[in-house]
Structures are given as structure tokens and as C-alpha cells.
Amino acid sequence: MTATIATEASPRPPQGREFGLLYAEVQQFYSRQMQLFDSFEAEPWARTFTEDAVFDVPTLPAPVVGRAALASNVRRNAELKATSGEQFRHWLGMLDVQPQPDGSLHTRSYALVYLTPRGGESKVHRVCVMEDVLVRSSGTWEISHRLVTRDDLA
């Protein structure tokens, strides 16, 4: 599956009350999604993606495809955390939402990943750019494609 993700902000962003409501809805979607991820709630987090979603991040050797594989990856992360005692938190900001003619949304945001060792001090671990394609399914948003890039690897 190939997805086209916008890499440049639109010179004239959408405006108005309707867009404001959409923007708030997308922010709430991401707030819940990141909390599910950081809490290792594998299946609920995987359900925020389409069945055939692609999750492409530089920390994995290859893109993860599909909900089952996404959930499995979160369970693996939970096992690693249990061993290391480290807690990761993902903080999203500078969210840009671009509605597309087909009804999908292209989003781009900055993601800060904080790492807190057991008994230690929290520090910024990674600075990333996250680009998603969101599609409507049964009245809710789902991610069909996520691409994450890291500033230190650019």
C-alpha cells in the first residue's frame, strides 16, 4: 500500500467554525491514541488504525502492517518496559490538519518522546515529525498510514 503524505503546509489553511470543530476532534483523537500507546493498551491502540494500516518508524527494521502486527509491537514494548523500568511518554504539538478532496485528512505534527528511567529524571529522548493519513470509518477517525522521521537521523 502506498500513501501520499503532504510534506508542505498549505499556503492557505482551512478556516472557519467547521474546521475548528474538526481540528479539536483530531486533537482529541491523538490525545487518546498517544495515551493508549504509552499505557501499552495494545488492542485499543491498534484499533485506532485501519485493518491494513502501515506504521513506518525509524526505530523498527521495516514498516509494521496491519492491526495484529501493531498490537504485537505494543505488547513487545510493554515487555521491554517491564525489564528496563523506563517509561516513555509521547507529546504531540504543532499539529497541522489538511482536509483532502476524498474526505481523508493529512496531518503533520512534532512529536517529543520523553524517557524517564525508574527513579530518574525525565529527559527528551527523541524529536520527531509524525505524518498521518486519517480516514473516517464508522464515524471515527482511523490512521491508514503513519510515517515518523527523527531529527537526529535527518
C-alpha atoms as a PDB file:
ATOM      1  CA  MET A   1       0.000   0.000   0.000  1.00  0.00           C
ATOM      2  CA  THR A   2       1.344   3.397  -0.934  1.00  0.00           C
ATOM      3  CA  ALA A   3       0.189   6.582   0.705  1.00  0.00           C
ATOM      4  CA  THR A   4       0.965  10.112  -0.269  1.00  0.00           C
ATOM      5  CA  ILE A   5       1.619  12.283   2.721  1.00  0.00           C
ATOM      6  CA  ALA A   6       1.796  16.052   2.454  1.00  0.00           C
ATOM      7  CA  THR A   7       5.223  17.384   3.312  1.00  0.00           C
ATOM      8  CA  GLU A   8       4.462  21.080   2.950  1.00  0.00           C
ATOM      9  CA  ALA A   9       1.889  23.146   4.753  1.00  0.00           C
ATOM     10  CA  SER A  10      -0.843  24.549   2.558  1.00  0.00           C
ATOM     11  CA  PRO A  11      -0.248  28.246   1.843  1.00  0.00           C
ATOM     12  CA  ARG A  12      -3.892  28.940   2.715  1.00  0.00           C
ATOM     13  CA  PRO A  13      -5.042  26.743   5.619  1.00  0.00           C
ATOM     14  CA  PRO A  14      -8.724  25.894   6.078  1.00  0.00           C
ATOM     15  CA  GLN A  15     -10.597  28.306   8.311  1.00  0.00           C
ATOM     16  CA  GLY A  16     -13.925  28.765  10.000  1.00  0.00           C
ATOM     17  CA  ARG A  17     -16.022  27.176  12.700  1.00  0.00           C
ATOM     18  CA  GLU A  18     -16.418  23.842  10.907  1.00  0.00           C
ATOM     19  CA  PHE A  19     -12.662  23.484  10.564  1.00  0.00           C
ATOM     20  CA  GLY A  20     -12.197  24.484  14.221  1.00  0.00           C
ATOM     21  CA  LEU A  21     -14.504  21.666  15.295  1.00  0.00           C
ATOM     22  CA  LEU A  22     -12.663  19.208  13.047  1.00  0.00           C
ATOM     23  CA  TYR A  23      -9.307  20.354  14.425  1.00  0.00           C
ATOM     24  CA  ALA A  24     -10.484  19.834  18.013  1.00  0.00           C
ATOM     25  CA  GLU A  25     -11.784  16.373  17.082  1.00  0.00           C
ATOM     26  CA  VAL A  26      -8.414  15.425  15.590  1.00  0.00           C
ATOM     27  CA  GLN A  27      -6.561  16.745  18.649  1.00  0.00           C
ATOM     28  CA  GLN A  28      -8.779  14.621  20.904  1.00  0.00           C
ATOM     29  CA  PHE A  29      -8.151  11.593  18.683  1.00  0.00           C
ATOM     30  CA  TYR A  30      -4.386  11.999  19.051  1.00  0.00           C
ATOM     31  CA  SER A  31      -4.589  12.678  22.801  1.00  0.00           C
ATOM     32  CA  ARG A  32      -6.420   9.416  23.354  1.00  0.00           C
ATOM     33  CA  GLN A  33      -4.281   7.493  20.887  1.00  0.00           C
ATOM     34  CA  MET A  34      -0.962   8.520  22.459  1.00  0.00           C
ATOM     35  CA  GLN A  35      -2.232   7.739  25.957  1.00  0.00           C
ATOM     36  CA  LEU A  36      -3.281   4.264  24.809  1.00  0.00           C
ATOM     37  CA  PHE A  37       0.183   3.764  23.288  1.00  0.00           C
ATOM     38  CA  ASP A  38       2.061   4.971  26.368  1.00  0.00           C
ATOM     39  CA  SER A  39      -0.134   2.775  28.591  1.00  0.00           C
ATOM     40  CA  PHE A  40       0.568  -0.297  26.415  1.00  0.00           C
ATOM     41  CA  GLU A  41      -3.117  -0.853  25.655  1.00  0.00           C
ATOM     42  CA  ALA A  42      -2.265  -2.876  22.578  1.00  0.00           C
ATOM     43  CA  GLU A  43      -5.638  -3.772  21.082  1.00  0.00           C
ATOM     44  CA  PRO A  44      -7.419  -0.454  21.737  1.00  0.00           C
ATOM     45  CA  TRP A  45      -4.410   1.397  20.288  1.00  0.00           C
ATOM     46  CA  ALA A  46      -4.278  -0.879  17.229  1.00  0.00           C
ATOM     47  CA  ARG A  47      -7.984  -0.185  16.613  1.00  0.00           C
ATOM     48  CA  THR A  48      -7.110   3.479  16.016  1.00  0.00           C
ATOM     49  CA  PHE A  49      -5.587   2.248  12.732  1.00  0.00           C
ATOM     50  CA  THR A  50      -7.254   0.735   9.674  1.00  0.00           C
ATOM     51  CA  GLU A  51      -7.058  -3.055   9.259  1.00  0.00           C
ATOM     52  CA  ASP A  52      -4.320  -2.669   6.621  1.00  0.00           C
ATOM     53  CA  ALA A  53      -2.537   0.344   8.121  1.00  0.00           C
ATOM     54  CA  VAL A  54       1.154   0.989   7.566  1.00  0.00           C
ATOM     55  CA  PHE A  55       3.231   2.182  10.549  1.00  0.00           C
ATOM     56  CA  ASP A  56       6.651   3.335   9.335  1.00  0.00           C
ATOM     57  CA  VAL A  57       9.061   4.426  12.077  1.00  0.00           C
ATOM     58  CA  PRO A  58      12.877   4.528  12.045  1.00  0.00           C
ATOM     59  CA  THR A  59      13.161   2.524  15.288  1.00  0.00           C
ATOM     60  CA  LEU A  60      11.907  -0.624  13.534  1.00  0.00           C
ATOM     61  CA  PRO A  61      13.715  -2.505  10.747  1.00  0.00           C
ATOM     62  CA  ALA A  62      10.648  -2.468   8.467  1.00  0.00           C
ATOM     63  CA  PRO A  63       7.193  -0.883   8.427  1.00  0.00           C
ATOM     64  CA  VAL A  64       4.569  -2.656  10.526  1.00  0.00           C
ATOM     65  CA  VAL A  65       1.454  -3.543   8.519  1.00  0.00           C
ATOM     66  CA  GLY A  66      -1.980  -4.360   9.943  1.00  0.00           C
ATOM     67  CA  ARG A  67      -3.676  -4.166  13.322  1.00  0.00           C
ATOM     68  CA  ALA A  68      -2.486  -7.555  14.575  1.00  0.00           C
ATOM     69  CA  ALA A  69       1.152  -6.644  13.950  1.00  0.00           C
ATOM     70  CA  LEU A  70       0.643  -3.213  15.517  1.00  0.00           C
ATOM     71  CA  ALA A  71      -0.819  -4.749  18.692  1.00  0.00           C
ATOM     72  CA  SER A  72       2.011  -7.279  18.824  1.00  0.00           C
ATOM     73  CA  ASN A  73       4.556  -4.472  18.639  1.00  0.00           C
ATOM     74  CA  VAL A  74       2.931  -2.672  21.590  1.00  0.00           C
ATOM     75  CA  ARG A  75       2.974  -5.880  23.657  1.00  0.00           C
ATOM     76  CA  ARG A  76       6.697  -6.224  22.863  1.00  0.00           C
ATOM     77  CA  ASN A  77       7.216  -2.638  24.047  1.00  0.00           C
ATOM     78  CA  ALA A  78       5.422  -3.475  27.312  1.00  0.00           C
ATOM     79  CA  GLU A  79       7.770  -6.424  27.872  1.00  0.00           C
ATOM     80  CA  LEU A  80      10.810  -4.206  27.268  1.00  0.00           C
ATOM     81  CA  LYS A  81       9.477  -1.623  29.732  1.00  0.00           C
ATOM     82  CA  ALA A  82       8.892  -4.294  32.377  1.00  0.00           C
ATOM     83  CA  THR A  83      12.547  -5.287  32.064  1.00  0.00           C
ATOM     84  CA  SER A  84      14.101  -1.811  31.818  1.00  0.00           C
ATOM     85  CA  GLY A  85      11.783   0.114  34.127  1.00  0.00           C
ATOM     86  CA  GLU A  86      11.868   3.029  31.698  1.00  0.00           C
ATOM     87  CA  GLN A  87       8.715   4.989  30.935  1.00  0.00           C
ATOM     88  CA  PHE A  88       8.165   6.651  27.564  1.00  0.00           C
ATOM     89  CA  ARG A  89       5.684   9.479  27.027  1.00  0.00           C
ATOM     90  CA  HIS A  90       4.789  10.919  23.636  1.00  0.00           C
ATOM     91  CA  TRP A  91       3.870  14.598  23.405  1.00  0.00           C
ATOM     92  CA  LEU A  92       2.421  15.944  20.159  1.00  0.00           C
ATOM     93  CA  GLY A  93       2.347  19.578  19.154  1.00  0.00           C
ATOM     94  CA  MET A  94       2.268  21.956  16.193  1.00  0.00           C
ATOM     95  CA  LEU A  95      -0.497  19.870  14.629  1.00  0.00           C
ATOM     96  CA  ASP A  96      -1.325  20.764  11.028  1.00  0.00           C
ATOM     97  CA  VAL A  97      -4.544  19.253   9.631  1.00  0.00           C
ATOM     98  CA  GLN A  98      -5.162  19.325   5.876  1.00  0.00           C
ATOM     99  CA  PRO A  99      -8.555  18.020   4.678  1.00  0.00           C
ATOM    100  CA  GLN A 100      -8.322  16.259   1.314  1.00  0.00           C
ATOM    101  CA  PRO A 101     -10.874  16.145  -1.536  1.00  0.00           C
ATOM    102  CA  ASP A 102     -11.511  12.423  -0.868  1.00  0.00           C
ATOM    103  CA  GLY A 103     -12.544  13.140   2.747  1.00  0.00           C
ATOM    104  CA  SER A 104      -9.292  11.932   4.290  1.00  0.00           C
ATOM    105  CA  LEU A 105      -7.046  14.136   6.392  1.00  0.00           C
ATOM    106  CA  HIS A 106      -3.319  14.605   6.062  1.00  0.00           C
ATOM    107  CA  THR A 107      -1.793  15.586   9.384  1.00  0.00           C
ATOM    108  CA  ARG A 108       1.704  16.604  10.357  1.00  0.00           C
ATOM    109  CA  SER A 109       2.898  17.244  13.893  1.00  0.00           C
ATOM    110  CA  TYR A 110       6.001  17.345  16.000  1.00  0.00           C
ATOM    111  CA  ALA A 111       6.383  14.501  18.470  1.00  0.00           C
ATOM    112  CA  LEU A 112       8.609  14.756  21.510  1.00  0.00           C
ATOM    113  CA  VAL A 113       9.414  11.454  23.152  1.00  0.00           C
ATOM    114  CA  TYR A 114      10.263  11.739  26.832  1.00  0.00           C
ATOM    115  CA  LEU A 115      12.125   8.987  28.656  1.00  0.00           C
ATOM    116  CA  THR A 116      12.020   8.584  32.419  1.00  0.00           C
ATOM    117  CA  PRO A 117      14.212   5.893  33.962  1.00  0.00           C
ATOM    118  CA  ARG A 118      12.866   4.259  37.110  1.00  0.00           C
ATOM    119  CA  GLY A 119      13.648   6.690  39.928  1.00  0.00           C
ATOM    120  CA  GLY A 120      15.288   9.083  37.474  1.00  0.00           C
ATOM    121  CA  GLU A 121      14.733  12.390  35.796  1.00  0.00           C
ATOM    122  CA  SER A 122      12.642  12.805  32.647  1.00  0.00           C
ATOM    123  CA  LYS A 123      14.530  13.890  29.525  1.00  0.00           C
ATOM    124  CA  VAL A 124      13.703  14.449  25.896  1.00  0.00           C
ATOM    125  CA  HIS A 125      14.739  11.210  24.220  1.00  0.00           C
ATOM    126  CA  ARG A 126      13.785  11.942  20.605  1.00  0.00           C
ATOM    127  CA  VAL A 127      12.377  14.748  18.492  1.00  0.00           C
ATOM    128  CA  CYS A 128      10.312  13.514  15.560  1.00  0.00           C
ATOM    129  CA  VAL A 129       7.949  14.571  12.813  1.00  0.00           C
ATOM    130  CA  MET A 130       4.807  12.454  12.511  1.00  0.00           C
ATOM    131  CA  GLU A 131       2.793  12.443   9.276  1.00  0.00           C
ATOM    132  CA  ASP A 132      -0.509  10.565   9.095  1.00  0.00           C
ATOM    133  CA  VAL A 133      -3.306   9.879   6.677  1.00  0.00           C
ATOM    134  CA  LEU A 134      -6.605   9.645   8.585  1.00  0.00           C
ATOM    135  CA  VAL A 135      -9.790   8.179   7.127  1.00  0.00           C
ATOM    136  CA  ARG A 136     -13.336   8.040   8.504  1.00  0.00           C
ATOM    137  CA  SER A 137     -14.651   4.634   9.480  1.00  0.00           C
ATOM    138  CA  SER A 138     -17.967   4.127  11.272  1.00  0.00           C
ATOM    139  CA  GLY A 139     -17.991   7.749  12.400  1.00  0.00           C
ATOM    140  CA  THR A 140     -14.492   7.814  13.849  1.00  0.00           C
ATOM    141  CA  TRP A 141     -11.027   8.560  12.522  1.00  0.00           C
ATOM    142  CA  GLU A 142      -8.515   5.786  11.828  1.00  0.00           C
ATOM    143  CA  ILE A 143      -4.947   6.052  10.629  1.00  0.00           C
ATOM    144  CA  SER A 144      -4.257   4.356   7.314  1.00  0.00           C
ATOM    145  CA  HIS A 145      -0.608   5.379   7.096  1.00  0.00           C
ATOM    146  CA  ARG A 146       1.869   6.809   9.607  1.00  0.00           C
ATOM    147  CA  LEU A 147       5.357   7.981   8.732  1.00  0.00           C
ATOM    148  CA  VAL A 148       7.665   9.092  11.533  1.00  0.00           C
ATOM    149  CA  THR A 149      11.044  10.700  10.931  1.00  0.00           C
ATOM    150  CA  ARG A 150      13.623  11.573  13.570  1.00  0.00           C
ATOM    151  CA  ASP A 151      15.564  14.823  13.648  1.00  0.00           C
ATOM    152  CA  ASP A 152      18.790  13.075  14.646  1.00  0.00           C
ATOM    153  CA  LEU A 153      18.620  10.830  11.563  1.00  0.00           C
ATOM    154  CA  ALA A 154      17.720  13.573   9.054  1.00  0.00           C
END
